[in-house]
């Protein structure tokens, strides 16, 4: 299983990424370690805004690209209503919103 996520950064910017190990990836982003994305190294991550599961890396990568191409307003709509992601899906693609997630728990594991 893979995860697709949207992080909000200090100045309000939104960063979209994918991960197989979401706990490890969040620790990298939020600690600004060498392994975090170049973007979150220079734009401090402050919150995990949205999270979805995908059954494999290929689907997760496709969704990540689609989200990255969206204008900011559409990304904010996805954050408000994660189910609206269906409008970005092609037939047979399944992405499940993770409704209950605690960034605090992830970072403290």
PDB file of N, CA and C in Angstrom:
ATOM      1  N   UNK A   1       0.837  -1.174   0.000  1.00  0.00           N
ATOM      2  CA  UNK A   1       0.000   0.000   0.000  1.00  0.00           C
ATOM      3  C   UNK A   1       0.887   1.244   0.000  1.00  0.00           C
ATOM      4  N   UNK A   2       0.440   2.252  -0.712  1.00  0.00           N
ATOM      5  CA  UNK A   2       1.116   3.548  -0.763  1.00  0.00           C
ATOM      6  C   UNK A   2       0.158   4.622  -0.287  1.00  0.00           C
ATOM      7  N   UNK A   3       0.732   5.740   0.096  1.00  0.00           N
ATOM      8  CA  UNK A   3      -0.038   6.885   0.570  1.00  0.00           C
ATOM      9  C   UNK A   3       0.259   8.090  -0.308  1.00  0.00           C
ATOM     10  N   UNK A   4      -0.766   8.901  -0.512  1.00  0.00           N
ATOM     11  CA  UNK A   4      -0.631  10.192  -1.180  1.00  0.00           C
ATOM     12  C   UNK A   4      -1.071  11.216  -0.140  1.00  0.00           C
ATOM     13  N   UNK A   5      -0.305  12.294  -0.003  1.00  0.00           N
ATOM     14  CA  UNK A   5      -0.598  13.245   1.064  1.00  0.00           C
ATOM     15  C   UNK A   5      -0.401  14.678   0.614  1.00  0.00           C
ATOM     16  N   UNK A   6      -1.042  15.584   1.351  1.00  0.00           N
ATOM     17  CA  UNK A   6      -0.836  17.015   1.159  1.00  0.00           C
ATOM     18  C   UNK A   6      -0.414  17.591   2.504  1.00  0.00           C
ATOM     19  N   UNK A   7       0.690  18.305   2.503  1.00  0.00           N
ATOM     20  CA  UNK A   7       1.237  18.959   3.688  1.00  0.00           C
ATOM     21  C   UNK A   7       1.108  20.466   3.496  1.00  0.00           C
ATOM     22  N   UNK A   8       0.796  21.160   4.584  1.00  0.00           N
ATOM     23  CA  UNK A   8       0.812  22.627   4.548  1.00  0.00           C
ATOM     24  C   UNK A   8       2.143  23.084   5.146  1.00  0.00           C
ATOM     25  N   UNK A   9       2.772  24.044   4.493  1.00  0.00           N
ATOM     26  CA  UNK A   9       4.046  24.591   4.962  1.00  0.00           C
ATOM     27  C   UNK A   9       3.827  25.934   5.656  1.00  0.00           C
ATOM     28  N   UNK A  10       4.893  26.439   6.282  1.00  0.00           N
ATOM     29  CA  UNK A  10       4.846  27.632   7.132  1.00  0.00           C
ATOM     30  C   UNK A  10       4.121  28.831   6.512  1.00  0.00           C
ATOM     31  N   UNK A  11       4.410  29.143   5.293  1.00  0.00           N
ATOM     32  CA  UNK A  11       3.797  30.325   4.666  1.00  0.00           C
ATOM     33  C   UNK A  11       2.487  29.987   3.960  1.00  0.00           C
ATOM     34  N   UNK A  12       1.954  28.776   4.233  1.00  0.00           N
ATOM     35  CA  UNK A  12       0.679  28.391   3.643  1.00  0.00           C
ATOM     36  C   UNK A  12       0.788  27.616   2.347  1.00  0.00           C
ATOM     37  N   UNK A  13       2.003  27.388   1.864  1.00  0.00           N
ATOM     38  CA  UNK A  13       2.165  26.618   0.632  1.00  0.00           C
ATOM     39  C   UNK A  13       1.730  25.178   0.879  1.00  0.00           C
ATOM     40  N   UNK A  14       1.319  24.510  -0.207  1.00  0.00           N
ATOM     41  CA  UNK A  14       0.904  23.117  -0.118  1.00  0.00           C
ATOM     42  C   UNK A  14       1.897  22.252  -0.867  1.00  0.00           C
ATOM     43  N   UNK A  15       2.294  21.146  -0.245  1.00  0.00           N
ATOM     44  CA  UNK A  15       3.226  20.198  -0.848  1.00  0.00           C
ATOM     45  C   UNK A  15       2.522  18.847  -0.944  1.00  0.00           C
ATOM     46  N   UNK A  16       2.593  18.203  -2.104  1.00  0.00           N
ATOM     47  CA  UNK A  16       1.982  16.892  -2.323  1.00  0.00           C
ATOM     48  C   UNK A  16       3.077  15.867  -2.540  1.00  0.00           C
ATOM     49  N   UNK A  17       2.920  14.698  -1.932  1.00  0.00           N
ATOM     50  CA  UNK A  17       3.914  13.645  -2.091  1.00  0.00           C
ATOM     51  C   UNK A  17       3.301  12.273  -1.920  1.00  0.00           C
ATOM     52  N   UNK A  18       4.149  11.237  -2.097  1.00  0.00           N
ATOM     53  CA  UNK A  18       3.725   9.855  -1.892  1.00  0.00           C
ATOM     54  C   UNK A  18       4.734   9.171  -0.978  1.00  0.00           C
ATOM     55  N   UNK A  19       4.273   8.078  -0.343  1.00  0.00           N
ATOM     56  CA  UNK A  19       5.157   7.318   0.540  1.00  0.00           C
ATOM     57  C   UNK A  19       4.609   5.917   0.740  1.00  0.00           C
ATOM     58  N   UNK A  20       5.517   4.966   0.877  1.00  0.00           N
ATOM     59  CA  UNK A  20       5.121   3.612   1.256  1.00  0.00           C
ATOM     60  C   UNK A  20       5.021   3.531   2.774  1.00  0.00           C
ATOM     61  N   UNK A  21       5.931   4.216   3.454  1.00  0.00           N
ATOM     62  CA  UNK A  21       5.949   4.248   4.922  1.00  0.00           C
ATOM     63  C   UNK A  21       5.622   5.681   5.350  1.00  0.00           C
ATOM     64  N   UNK A  22       4.354   5.932   5.619  1.00  0.00           N
ATOM     65  CA  UNK A  22       3.907   7.301   5.890  1.00  0.00           C
ATOM     66  C   UNK A  22       4.504   7.853   7.176  1.00  0.00           C
ATOM     67  N   UNK A  23       4.694   7.024   8.182  1.00  0.00           N
ATOM     68  CA  UNK A  23       5.258   7.498   9.448  1.00  0.00           C
ATOM     69  C   UNK A  23       6.694   7.971   9.228  1.00  0.00           C
ATOM     70  N   UNK A  24       7.494   7.161   8.552  1.00  0.00           N
ATOM     71  CA  UNK A  24       8.887   7.540   8.274  1.00  0.00           C
ATOM     72  C   UNK A  24       8.940   8.821   7.448  1.00  0.00           C
ATOM     73  N   UNK A  25       8.079   8.904   6.440  1.00  0.00           N
ATOM     74  CA  UNK A  25       8.110  10.067   5.543  1.00  0.00           C
ATOM     75  C   UNK A  25       7.714  11.356   6.274  1.00  0.00           C
ATOM     76  N   UNK A  26       6.719  11.270   7.140  1.00  0.00           N
ATOM     77  CA  UNK A  26       6.320  12.460   7.893  1.00  0.00           C
ATOM     78  C   UNK A  26       7.446  12.901   8.821  1.00  0.00           C
ATOM     79  N   UNK A  27       8.122  11.952   9.455  1.00  0.00           N
ATOM     80  CA  UNK A  27       9.257  12.297  10.313  1.00  0.00           C
ATOM     81  C   UNK A  27      10.336  13.012   9.507  1.00  0.00           C
ATOM     82  N   UNK A  28      10.585  12.541   8.281  1.00  0.00           N
ATOM     83  CA  UNK A  28      11.594  13.186   7.431  1.00  0.00           C
ATOM     84  C   UNK A  28      11.184  14.622   7.093  1.00  0.00           C
ATOM     85  N   UNK A  29       9.941  14.803   6.677  1.00  0.00           N
ATOM     86  CA  UNK A  29       9.478  16.146   6.308  1.00  0.00           C
ATOM     87  C   UNK A  29       9.495  17.102   7.499  1.00  0.00           C
ATOM     88  N   UNK A  30       8.934  16.668   8.603  1.00  0.00           N
ATOM     89  CA  UNK A  30       8.755  17.574   9.731  1.00  0.00           C
ATOM     90  C   UNK A  30      10.033  17.834  10.520  1.00  0.00           C
ATOM     91  N   UNK A  31      11.024  16.954  10.398  1.00  0.00           N
ATOM     92  CA  UNK A  31      12.315  17.205  11.052  1.00  0.00           C
ATOM     93  C   UNK A  31      13.268  17.928  10.112  1.00  0.00           C
ATOM     94  N   UNK A  32      12.860  18.059   8.851  1.00  0.00           N
ATOM     95  CA  UNK A  32      13.673  18.662   7.791  1.00  0.00           C
ATOM     96  C   UNK A  32      15.024  17.954   7.683  1.00  0.00           C
ATOM     97  N   UNK A  33      14.986  16.624   7.788  1.00  0.00           N
ATOM     98  CA  UNK A  33      16.204  15.825   7.680  1.00  0.00           C
ATOM     99  C   UNK A  33      16.724  15.843   6.246  1.00  0.00           C
ATOM    100  N   UNK A  34      17.904  15.288   6.063  1.00  0.00           N
ATOM    101  CA  UNK A  34      18.501  15.237   4.722  1.00  0.00           C
ATOM    102  C   UNK A  34      17.630  14.473   3.739  1.00  0.00           C
ATOM    103  N   UNK A  35      16.821  13.549   4.242  1.00  0.00           N
ATOM    104  CA  UNK A  35      16.004  12.717   3.357  1.00  0.00           C
ATOM    105  C   UNK A  35      14.655  13.336   3.007  1.00  0.00           C
ATOM    106  N   UNK A  36      14.336  14.476   3.594  1.00  0.00           N
ATOM    107  CA  UNK A  36      13.058  15.097   3.248  1.00  0.00           C
ATOM    108  C   UNK A  36      13.162  15.679   1.838  1.00  0.00           C
ATOM    109  N   UNK A  37      12.042  16.068   1.290  1.00  0.00           N
ATOM    110  CA  UNK A  37      12.035  16.675  -0.036  1.00  0.00           C
ATOM    111  C   UNK A  37      12.775  18.015   0.009  1.00  0.00           C
ATOM    112  N   UNK A  38      13.409  18.351  -1.086  1.00  0.00           N
ATOM    113  CA  UNK A  38      14.113  19.625  -1.170  1.00  0.00           C
ATOM    114  C   UNK A  38      13.167  20.778  -0.817  1.00  0.00           C
ATOM    115  N   UNK A  39      11.919  20.653  -1.250  1.00  0.00           N
ATOM    116  CA  UNK A  39      10.941  21.710  -1.001  1.00  0.00           C
ATOM    117  C   UNK A  39      10.675  21.892   0.488  1.00  0.00           C
ATOM    118  N   UNK A  40      10.467  20.781   1.211  1.00  0.00           N
ATOM    119  CA  UNK A  40      10.161  20.920   2.640  1.00  0.00           C
ATOM    120  C   UNK A  40      11.411  21.182   3.477  1.00  0.00           C
ATOM    121  N   UNK A  41      12.565  21.063   2.880  1.00  0.00           N
ATOM    122  CA  UNK A  41      13.785  21.463   3.587  1.00  0.00           C
ATOM    123  C   UNK A  41      13.853  22.982   3.651  1.00  0.00           C
ATOM    124  N   UNK A  42      13.365  23.650   2.615  1.00  0.00           N
ATOM    125  CA  UNK A  42      13.418  25.111   2.587  1.00  0.00           C
ATOM    126  C   UNK A  42      12.074  25.772   2.933  1.00  0.00           C
ATOM    127  N   UNK A  43      11.009  24.979   3.010  1.00  0.00           N
ATOM    128  CA  UNK A  43       9.679  25.465   3.374  1.00  0.00           C
ATOM    129  C   UNK A  43       9.176  24.569   4.501  1.00  0.00           C
ATOM    130  N   UNK A  44       9.327  25.001   5.734  1.00  0.00           N
ATOM    131  CA  UNK A  44       9.031  24.165   6.899  1.00  0.00           C
ATOM    132  C   UNK A  44       7.593  23.643   6.892  1.00  0.00           C
ATOM    133  N   UNK A  45       7.458  22.326   6.984  1.00  0.00           N
ATOM    134  CA  UNK A  45       6.144  21.685   7.055  1.00  0.00           C
ATOM    135  C   UNK A  45       5.530  21.941   8.430  1.00  0.00           C
ATOM    136  N   UNK A  46       4.237  22.286   8.453  1.00  0.00           N
ATOM    137  CA  UNK A  46       3.579  22.559   9.737  1.00  0.00           C
ATOM    138  C   UNK A  46       2.383  21.649  10.012  1.00  0.00           C
ATOM    139  N   UNK A  47       1.757  21.100   8.973  1.00  0.00           N
ATOM    140  CA  UNK A  47       0.614  20.216   9.226  1.00  0.00           C
ATOM    141  C   UNK A  47       0.378  19.266   8.062  1.00  0.00           C
ATOM    142  N   UNK A  48      -0.123  18.095   8.402  1.00  0.00           N
ATOM    143  CA  UNK A  48      -0.565  17.123   7.407  1.00  0.00           C
ATOM    144  C   UNK A  48      -2.040  17.411   7.175  1.00  0.00           C
ATOM    145  N   UNK A  49      -2.390  17.810   5.963  1.00  0.00           N
ATOM    146  CA  UNK A  49      -3.743  18.276   5.668  1.00  0.00           C
ATOM    147  C   UNK A  49      -4.660  17.198   5.112  1.00  0.00           C
ATOM    148  N   UNK A  50      -4.131  16.298   4.294  1.00  0.00           N
ATOM    149  CA  UNK A  50      -4.963  15.259   3.670  1.00  0.00           C
ATOM    150  C   UNK A  50      -4.115  14.030   3.408  1.00  0.00           C
ATOM    151  N   UNK A  51      -4.783  12.869   3.430  1.00  0.00           N
ATOM    152  CA  UNK A  51      -4.077  11.601   3.268  1.00  0.00           C
ATOM    153  C   UNK A  51      -5.009  10.589   2.610  1.00  0.00           C
ATOM    154  N   UNK A  52      -4.508   9.912   1.579  1.00  0.00           N
ATOM    155  CA  UNK A  52      -5.258   8.868   0.888  1.00  0.00           C
ATOM    156  C   UNK A  52      -4.377   7.633   0.741  1.00  0.00           C
ATOM    157  N   UNK A  53      -5.001   6.471   0.593  1.00  0.00           N
ATOM    158  CA  UNK A  53      -4.254   5.254   0.298  1.00  0.00           C
ATOM    159  C   UNK A  53      -4.451   4.895  -1.174  1.00  0.00           C
ATOM    160  N   UNK A  54      -3.430   4.262  -1.719  1.00  0.00           N
ATOM    161  CA  UNK A  54      -3.470   3.731  -3.090  1.00  0.00           C
ATOM    162  C   UNK A  54      -2.899   2.323  -3.018  1.00  0.00           C
ATOM    163  N   UNK A  55      -3.374   1.431  -3.876  1.00  0.00           N
ATOM    164  CA  UNK A  55      -2.937   0.043  -3.748  1.00  0.00           C
ATOM    165  C   UNK A  55      -1.514  -0.209  -4.231  1.00  0.00           C
ATOM    166  N   UNK A  56      -0.950   0.698  -5.044  1.00  0.00           N
ATOM    167  CA  UNK A  56       0.429   0.480  -5.497  1.00  0.00           C
ATOM    168  C   UNK A  56       1.095   1.815  -5.846  1.00  0.00           C
ATOM    169  N   UNK A  57       2.396   1.740  -6.077  1.00  0.00           N
ATOM    170  CA  UNK A  57       3.189   2.936  -6.355  1.00  0.00           C
ATOM    171  C   UNK A  57       2.746   3.636  -7.646  1.00  0.00           C
ATOM    172  N   UNK A  58       2.421   2.856  -8.641  1.00  0.00           N
ATOM    173  CA  UNK A  58       2.013   3.430  -9.917  1.00  0.00           C
ATOM    174  C   UNK A  58       0.776   4.312  -9.759  1.00  0.00           C
ATOM    175  N   UNK A  59      -0.239   3.804  -9.078  1.00  0.00           N
ATOM    176  CA  UNK A  59      -1.455   4.595  -8.859  1.00  0.00           C
ATOM    177  C   UNK A  59      -1.173   5.820  -7.995  1.00  0.00           C
ATOM    178  N   UNK A  60      -0.357   5.638  -6.963  1.00  0.00           N
ATOM    179  CA  UNK A  60      -0.018   6.769  -6.096  1.00  0.00           C
ATOM    180  C   UNK A  60       0.699   7.862  -6.890  1.00  0.00           C
ATOM    181  N   UNK A  61       1.619   7.478  -7.743  1.00  0.00           N
ATOM    182  CA  UNK A  61       2.364   8.455  -8.554  1.00  0.00           C
ATOM    183  C   UNK A  61       1.446   9.198  -9.517  1.00  0.00           C
ATOM    184  N   UNK A  62       0.506   8.479 -10.116  1.00  0.00           N
ATOM    185  CA  UNK A  62      -0.449   9.125 -11.028  1.00  0.00           C
ATOM    186  C   UNK A  62      -1.277  10.165 -10.286  1.00  0.00           C
ATOM    187  N   UNK A  63      -1.752   9.790  -9.097  1.00  0.00           N
ATOM    188  CA  UNK A  63      -2.562  10.728  -8.327  1.00  0.00           C
ATOM    189  C   UNK A  63      -1.735  11.928  -7.882  1.00  0.00           C
ATOM    190  N   UNK A  64      -0.513  11.682  -7.447  1.00  0.00           N
ATOM    191  CA  UNK A  64       0.368  12.781  -7.037  1.00  0.00           C
ATOM    192  C   UNK A  64       0.523  13.783  -8.175  1.00  0.00           C
ATOM    193  N   UNK A  65       0.789  13.310  -9.378  1.00  0.00           N
ATOM    194  CA  UNK A  65       0.937  14.203 -10.536  1.00  0.00           C
ATOM    195  C   UNK A  65      -0.337  14.994 -10.798  1.00  0.00           C
ATOM    196  N   UNK A  66      -1.477  14.323 -10.704  1.00  0.00           N
ATOM    197  CA  UNK A  66      -2.750  15.017 -10.946  1.00  0.00           C
ATOM    198  C   UNK A  66      -2.986  16.118  -9.916  1.00  0.00           C
ATOM    199  N   UNK A  67      -2.705  15.828  -8.656  1.00  0.00           N
ATOM    200  CA  UNK A  67      -2.916  16.822  -7.608  1.00  0.00           C
ATOM    201  C   UNK A  67      -1.947  17.991  -7.795  1.00  0.00           C
ATOM    202  N   UNK A  68      -0.687  17.694  -8.111  1.00  0.00           N
ATOM    203  CA  UNK A  68       0.308  18.759  -8.284  1.00  0.00           C
ATOM    204  C   UNK A  68      -0.068  19.716  -9.408  1.00  0.00           C
ATOM    205  N   UNK A  69      -0.797  19.234 -10.399  1.00  0.00           N
ATOM    206  CA  UNK A  69      -1.201  20.077 -11.529  1.00  0.00           C
ATOM    207  C   UNK A  69      -2.398  20.975 -11.190  1.00  0.00           C
ATOM    208  N   UNK A  70      -3.093  20.676 -10.102  1.00  0.00           N
ATOM    209  CA  UNK A  70      -4.287  21.452  -9.742  1.00  0.00           C
ATOM    210  C   UNK A  70      -3.917  22.847  -9.250  1.00  0.00           C
ATOM    211  N   UNK A  71      -4.790  23.814  -9.499  1.00  0.00           N
ATOM    212  CA  UNK A  71      -4.582  25.133  -8.893  1.00  0.00           C
ATOM    213  C   UNK A  71      -4.823  25.037  -7.382  1.00  0.00           C
ATOM    214  N   UNK A  72      -4.284  25.966  -6.657  1.00  0.00           N
ATOM    215  CA  UNK A  72      -4.372  25.965  -5.193  1.00  0.00           C
ATOM    216  C   UNK A  72      -5.806  25.810  -4.684  1.00  0.00           C
ATOM    217  N   UNK A  73      -6.725  26.501  -5.296  1.00  0.00           N
ATOM    218  CA  UNK A  73      -8.118  26.429  -4.865  1.00  0.00           C
ATOM    219  C   UNK A  73      -8.678  25.013  -4.914  1.00  0.00           C
ATOM    220  N   UNK A  74      -8.350  24.286  -5.945  1.00  0.00           N
ATOM    221  CA  UNK A  74      -8.822  22.898  -6.084  1.00  0.00           C
ATOM    222  C   UNK A  74      -8.166  22.011  -5.031  1.00  0.00           C
ATOM    223  N   UNK A  75      -6.887  22.276  -4.719  1.00  0.00           N
ATOM    224  CA  UNK A  75      -6.215  21.506  -3.673  1.00  0.00           C
ATOM    225  C   UNK A  75      -6.887  21.755  -2.324  1.00  0.00           C
ATOM    226  N   UNK A  76      -7.264  22.996  -2.068  1.00  0.00           N
ATOM    227  CA  UNK A  76      -7.955  23.316  -0.820  1.00  0.00           C
ATOM    228  C   UNK A  76      -9.312  22.618  -0.758  1.00  0.00           C
ATOM    229  N   UNK A  77      -9.991  22.491  -1.900  1.00  0.00           N
ATOM    230  CA  UNK A  77     -11.251  21.756  -1.951  1.00  0.00           C
ATOM    231  C   UNK A  77     -11.036  20.284  -1.599  1.00  0.00           C
ATOM    232  N   UNK A  78      -9.947  19.699  -2.100  1.00  0.00           N
ATOM    233  CA  UNK A  78      -9.626  18.307  -1.776  1.00  0.00           C
ATOM    234  C   UNK A  78      -9.391  18.134  -0.276  1.00  0.00           C
ATOM    235  N   UNK A  79      -8.723  19.101   0.314  1.00  0.00           N
ATOM    236  CA  UNK A  79      -8.458  19.044   1.753  1.00  0.00           C
ATOM    237  C   UNK A  79      -9.778  19.111   2.522  1.00  0.00           C
ATOM    238  N   UNK A  80     -10.671  20.001   2.109  1.00  0.00           N
ATOM    239  CA  UNK A  80     -11.971  20.150   2.780  1.00  0.00           C
ATOM    240  C   UNK A  80     -12.862  18.930   2.578  1.00  0.00           C
ATOM    241  N   UNK A  81     -12.801  18.359   1.396  1.00  0.00           N
ATOM    242  CA  UNK A  81     -13.674  17.220   1.063  1.00  0.00           C
ATOM    243  C   UNK A  81     -12.841  16.153   0.344  1.00  0.00           C
ATOM    244  N   UNK A  82     -12.147  15.305   1.103  1.00  0.00           N
ATOM    245  CA  UNK A  82     -11.266  14.301   0.493  1.00  0.00           C
ATOM    246  C   UNK A  82     -11.966  13.367  -0.503  1.00  0.00           C
ATOM    247  N   UNK A  83     -13.283  13.182  -0.345  1.00  0.00           N
ATOM    248  CA  UNK A  83     -14.033  12.319  -1.259  1.00  0.00           C
ATOM    249  C   UNK A  83     -14.129  12.917  -2.655  1.00  0.00           C
ATOM    250  N   UNK A  84     -13.947  14.226  -2.768  1.00  0.00           N
ATOM    251  CA  UNK A  84     -14.036  14.870  -4.085  1.00  0.00           C
ATOM    252  C   UNK A  84     -12.882  14.437  -4.992  1.00  0.00           C
ATOM    253  N   UNK A  85     -11.953  13.694  -4.444  1.00  0.00           N
ATOM    254  CA  UNK A  85     -10.838  13.155  -5.223  1.00  0.00           C
ATOM    255  C   UNK A  85     -11.346  12.267  -6.360  1.00  0.00           C
ATOM    256  N   UNK A  86     -12.533  11.704  -6.187  1.00  0.00           N
ATOM    257  CA  UNK A  86     -13.105  10.831  -7.214  1.00  0.00           C
ATOM    258  C   UNK A  86     -13.128  11.496  -8.579  1.00  0.00           C
ATOM    259  N   UNK A  87     -13.269  12.817  -8.615  1.00  0.00           N
ATOM    260  CA  UNK A  87     -13.311  13.532  -9.897  1.00  0.00           C
ATOM    261  C   UNK A  87     -11.975  13.461 -10.635  1.00  0.00           C
ATOM    262  N   UNK A  88     -10.900  13.131  -9.935  1.00  0.00           N
ATOM    263  CA  UNK A  88      -9.579  13.008 -10.562  1.00  0.00           C
ATOM    264  C   UNK A  88      -9.264  11.582 -10.985  1.00  0.00           C
ATOM    265  N   UNK A  89     -10.115  10.648 -10.587  1.00  0.00           N
ATOM    266  CA  UNK A  89      -9.838   9.227 -10.823  1.00  0.00           C
ATOM    267  C   UNK A  89     -10.345   8.771 -12.190  1.00  0.00           C
ATOM    268  N   UNK A  90      -9.607   7.841 -12.756  1.00  0.00           N
ATOM    269  CA  UNK A  90     -10.056   7.180 -13.975  1.00  0.00           C
ATOM    270  C   UNK A  90     -10.775   5.899 -13.574  1.00  0.00           C
ATOM    271  N   UNK A  91     -11.481   5.314 -14.508  1.00  0.00           N
ATOM    272  CA  UNK A  91     -12.236   4.094 -14.219  1.00  0.00           C
ATOM    273  C   UNK A  91     -11.322   3.006 -13.645  1.00  0.00           C
ATOM    274  N   UNK A  92     -11.771   2.420 -12.561  1.00  0.00           N
ATOM    275  CA  UNK A  92     -11.018   1.331 -11.935  1.00  0.00           C
ATOM    276  C   UNK A  92      -9.992   1.769 -10.905  1.00  0.00           C
ATOM    277  N   UNK A  93      -9.718   3.058 -10.842  1.00  0.00           N
ATOM    278  CA  UNK A  93      -8.757   3.545  -9.846  1.00  0.00           C
ATOM    279  C   UNK A  93      -9.469   3.771  -8.519  1.00  0.00           C
ATOM    280  N   UNK A  94      -8.844   3.295  -7.456  1.00  0.00           N
ATOM    281  CA  UNK A  94      -9.445   3.445  -6.136  1.00  0.00           C
ATOM    282  C   UNK A  94      -8.437   4.089  -5.191  1.00  0.00           C
ATOM    283  N   UNK A  95      -8.842   5.212  -4.625  1.00  0.00           N
ATOM    284  CA  UNK A  95      -8.061   5.904  -3.610  1.00  0.00           C
ATOM    285  C   UNK A  95      -8.984   6.107  -2.423  1.00  0.00           C
ATOM    286  N   UNK A  96      -8.518   5.720  -1.260  1.00  0.00           N
ATOM    287  CA  UNK A  96      -9.370   5.790  -0.069  1.00  0.00           C
ATOM    288  C   UNK A  96      -8.859   6.898   0.850  1.00  0.00           C
ATOM    289  N   UNK A  97      -9.722   7.866   1.180  1.00  0.00           N
ATOM    290  CA  UNK A  97      -9.299   8.907   2.119  1.00  0.00           C
ATOM    291  C   UNK A  97      -9.064   8.291   3.498  1.00  0.00           C
ATOM    292  N   UNK A  98      -7.992   8.700   4.145  1.00  0.00           N
ATOM    293  CA  UNK A  98      -7.735   8.286   5.520  1.00  0.00           C
ATOM    294  C   UNK A  98      -8.293   9.406   6.388  1.00  0.00           C
ATOM    295  N   UNK A  99      -9.400   9.141   7.016  1.00  0.00           N
ATOM    296  CA  UNK A  99     -10.101  10.179   7.777  1.00  0.00           C
ATOM    297  C   UNK A  99      -9.476  10.422   9.142  1.00  0.00           C
ATOM    298  N   UNK A 100      -9.094   9.361   9.782  1.00  0.00           N
ATOM    299  CA  UNK A 100      -8.552   9.462  11.134  1.00  0.00           C
ATOM    300  C   UNK A 100      -7.037   9.307  11.073  1.00  0.00           C
ATOM    301  N   UNK A 101      -6.325  10.389  11.180  1.00  0.00           N
ATOM    302  CA  UNK A 101      -4.866  10.301  11.263  1.00  0.00           C
ATOM    303  C   UNK A 101      -4.394  11.340  12.260  1.00  0.00           C
ATOM    304  N   UNK A 102      -3.359  10.984  12.980  1.00  0.00           N
ATOM    305  CA  UNK A 102      -2.803  11.901  13.960  1.00  0.00           C
ATOM    306  C   UNK A 102      -1.334  12.122  13.641  1.00  0.00           C
ATOM    307  N   UNK A 103      -1.021  13.319  13.204  1.00  0.00           N
ATOM    308  CA  UNK A 103       0.358  13.646  12.902  1.00  0.00           C
ATOM    309  C   UNK A 103       1.212  13.503  14.155  1.00  0.00           C
ATOM    310  N   UNK A 104       0.677  13.905  15.295  1.00  0.00           N
ATOM    311  CA  UNK A 104       1.422  13.782  16.564  1.00  0.00           C
ATOM    312  C   UNK A 104       1.843  12.349  16.808  1.00  0.00           C
ATOM    313  N   UNK A 105       0.891  11.410  16.627  1.00  0.00           N
ATOM    314  CA  UNK A 105       1.228  10.004  16.838  1.00  0.00           C
ATOM    315  C   UNK A 105       2.280   9.540  15.841  1.00  0.00           C
ATOM    316  N   UNK A 106       2.154   9.959  14.597  1.00  0.00           N
ATOM    317  CA  UNK A 106       3.151   9.572  13.594  1.00  0.00           C
ATOM    318  C   UNK A 106       4.539  10.046  13.983  1.00  0.00           C
ATOM    319  N   UNK A 107       4.627  11.292  14.409  1.00  0.00           N
ATOM    320  CA  UNK A 107       5.932  11.865  14.722  1.00  0.00           C
ATOM    321  C   UNK A 107       6.523  11.313  16.010  1.00  0.00           C
ATOM    322  N   UNK A 108       5.692  10.767  16.881  1.00  0.00           N
ATOM    323  CA  UNK A 108       6.176  10.232  18.151  1.00  0.00           C
ATOM    324  C   UNK A 108       6.426   8.728  18.120  1.00  0.00           C
ATOM    325  N   UNK A 109       6.186   8.088  16.981  1.00  0.00           N
ATOM    326  CA  UNK A 109       6.429   6.634  16.886  1.00  0.00           C
ATOM    327  C   UNK A 109       7.889   6.358  16.741  1.00  0.00           C
TER     328      UNK A 109
END
